[in-house]
Amino acid sequence: MSPFTQLPGFTRSPPGLERAILRRLPGVLVLGTLASALPSLVARMFPWQGSAVEVATLITTIDIYGISLAILHWTVVFTLAIGAFTVMVMKGPAYVADAYPLEDSETPDPPGKQGHVARPVRAAPAKTRQRP
């Protein structure tokens, strides 16, 4: 039996919002990354007033904010991609999961039969006398 045998009689769900999200995510990823880099580029073109140390500190702070915003944006896009992909897979065809006969039994296997694990039996703790 093939590992990808589809379940007979299963009807696939029509594609929905998850396909539109997956199609737009690459563009959103690129545009969002460029938008988070824009303040750093503008900060380098703007003529700042003050000492060199103050200007360098300000530009570095803007760079740190831009990098953190880009990482946050990537995380949100990646999370949306995982969710949309999961929905897309769940709407796909159903596959036969258990292609072997199930031996159903009302009683457990007797000891000594393959698959039986003997567990040690614990004795109940002895009661101690309490002094009056």
Protein backbone atom coordinates (compact mmCIF):
# COMPACT_ATOMS: atom_id res chain seq x y z
CA MET A 1 0.00 0.00 0.00
CA SER A 2 1.29 3.44 -0.91
CA PRO A 3 2.02 5.79 2.02
CA PHE A 4 -0.02 8.48 0.27
CA THR A 5 -3.25 6.60 -0.34
CA GLN A 6 -6.09 9.09 -0.32
CA LEU A 7 -9.18 8.35 1.72
CA PRO A 8 -11.98 7.38 -0.68
CA GLY A 9 -15.06 9.60 -0.71
CA PHE A 10 -13.35 12.62 0.88
CA THR A 11 -14.31 15.96 -0.63
CA ARG A 12 -11.74 18.73 -0.62
CA SER A 13 -12.66 22.13 0.72
CA PRO A 14 -12.38 25.03 -1.74
CA PRO A 15 -9.41 27.37 -1.29
CA GLY A 16 -10.17 30.43 0.76
CA LEU A 17 -8.44 33.32 2.47
CA GLU A 18 -5.34 31.25 3.26
CA ARG A 19 -4.34 31.14 -0.44
CA ALA A 20 -4.67 34.91 -0.78
CA ILE A 21 -2.55 35.39 2.34
CA LEU A 22 0.14 33.01 1.08
CA ARG A 23 0.26 34.80 -2.29
CA ARG A 24 0.70 38.23 -0.70
CA LEU A 25 3.23 37.32 1.99
CA PRO A 26 6.42 37.59 -0.14
CA GLY A 27 5.53 41.13 -1.21
CA VAL A 28 4.53 42.09 2.31
CA LEU A 29 7.84 40.69 3.59
CA VAL A 30 9.93 42.73 1.14
CA LEU A 31 7.93 45.96 1.49
CA GLY A 32 7.87 45.75 5.28
CA THR A 33 11.60 45.15 5.45
CA LEU A 34 12.26 48.13 3.19
CA ALA A 35 9.89 50.29 5.23
CA SER A 36 11.71 49.41 8.44
CA ALA A 37 15.05 50.33 6.82
CA LEU A 38 13.76 53.67 5.54
CA PRO A 39 14.20 55.66 8.80
CA SER A 40 17.86 54.61 9.00
CA LEU A 41 18.48 55.79 5.45
CA VAL A 42 16.70 59.12 6.05
CA ALA A 43 18.64 59.66 9.29
CA ARG A 44 21.92 59.43 7.41
CA MET A 45 20.78 62.01 4.81
CA PHE A 46 19.36 64.51 7.30
CA PRO A 47 21.79 67.28 8.44
CA TRP A 48 21.91 66.87 12.23
CA GLN A 49 22.87 69.62 14.68
CA GLY A 50 25.11 68.84 17.64
CA SER A 51 28.37 67.10 18.40
CA ALA A 52 29.58 64.06 16.48
CA VAL A 53 28.99 61.81 19.49
CA GLU A 54 25.36 62.95 19.87
CA VAL A 55 24.66 62.50 16.15
CA ALA A 56 26.27 59.03 16.14
CA THR A 57 24.25 58.03 19.21
CA LEU A 58 21.02 59.22 17.61
CA ILE A 59 21.69 57.41 14.32
CA THR A 60 22.65 54.23 16.19
CA THR A 61 19.43 54.42 18.20
CA ILE A 62 17.41 54.80 14.99
CA ASP A 63 19.27 51.81 13.51
CA ILE A 64 18.49 49.66 16.55
CA TYR A 65 14.81 50.57 16.36
CA GLY A 66 14.77 49.80 12.64
CA ILE A 67 16.43 46.40 13.12
CA SER A 68 14.06 45.46 15.93
CA LEU A 69 11.08 46.53 13.82
CA ALA A 70 12.35 44.42 10.89
CA ILE A 71 12.77 41.35 13.12
CA LEU A 72 9.28 41.85 14.56
CA HIS A 73 7.89 42.17 11.02
CA TRP A 74 9.64 38.95 9.90
CA THR A 75 8.25 37.12 12.93
CA VAL A 76 4.69 38.26 12.20
CA VAL A 77 4.98 37.30 8.52
CA PHE A 78 6.46 33.90 9.42
CA THR A 79 3.66 33.26 11.94
CA LEU A 80 1.02 34.16 9.35
CA ALA A 81 2.72 31.86 6.83
CA ILE A 82 2.66 28.95 9.29
CA GLY A 83 -1.03 29.51 10.05
CA ALA A 84 -2.06 29.86 6.39
CA PHE A 85 0.00 26.81 5.38
CA THR A 86 -1.57 24.76 8.18
CA VAL A 87 -5.08 25.69 7.04
CA MET A 88 -4.16 24.89 3.44
CA VAL A 89 -2.84 21.44 4.39
CA MET A 90 -5.88 20.71 6.53
CA LYS A 91 -8.20 21.56 3.62
CA GLY A 92 -6.28 19.19 1.33
CA PRO A 93 -7.06 15.54 0.67
CA ALA A 94 -7.36 13.12 3.55
CA TYR A 95 -4.94 10.21 3.58
CA VAL A 96 -5.37 6.72 5.00
CA ALA A 97 -3.60 6.86 8.35
CA ASP A 98 -4.05 3.35 9.78
CA ALA A 99 -3.83 0.87 6.94
CA TYR A 100 -3.47 -2.18 9.20
CA PRO A 101 -6.20 -4.25 10.86
CA LEU A 102 -6.87 -3.21 14.43
CA GLU A 103 -7.08 -6.06 16.90
CA ASP A 104 -9.61 -4.75 19.38
CA SER A 105 -9.89 -6.54 22.69
CA GLU A 106 -11.99 -5.99 25.78
CA THR A 107 -9.40 -7.63 28.04
CA PRO A 108 -5.70 -6.86 28.30
CA ASP A 109 -3.04 -9.28 27.09
CA PRO A 110 -2.25 -12.07 29.56
CA PRO A 111 1.22 -12.03 31.20
CA GLY A 112 3.89 -13.62 29.07
CA LYS A 113 2.33 -12.55 25.78
CA GLN A 114 4.41 -10.25 23.60
CA GLY A 115 3.82 -6.62 24.35
CA HIS A 116 2.92 -7.16 28.00
CA VAL A 117 4.98 -5.18 30.50
CA ALA A 118 4.95 -6.47 34.04
CA ARG A 119 4.82 -3.68 36.59
CA PRO A 120 5.94 -4.17 40.17
CA VAL A 121 3.17 -4.07 42.75
CA ARG A 122 3.80 -1.73 45.64
CA ALA A 123 2.78 -2.75 49.11
CA ALA A 124 0.67 -0.35 51.10
CA PRO A 125 2.68 1.55 53.72
CA ALA A 126 2.49 0.10 57.20
CA LYS A 127 0.43 2.09 59.64
CA THR A 128 2.27 3.45 62.62
CA ARG A 129 0.83 3.65 66.06
CA GLN A 130 0.15 7.07 67.41
CA ARG A 131 1.00 7.69 71.01
CA PRO A 132 -1.72 9.16 73.14
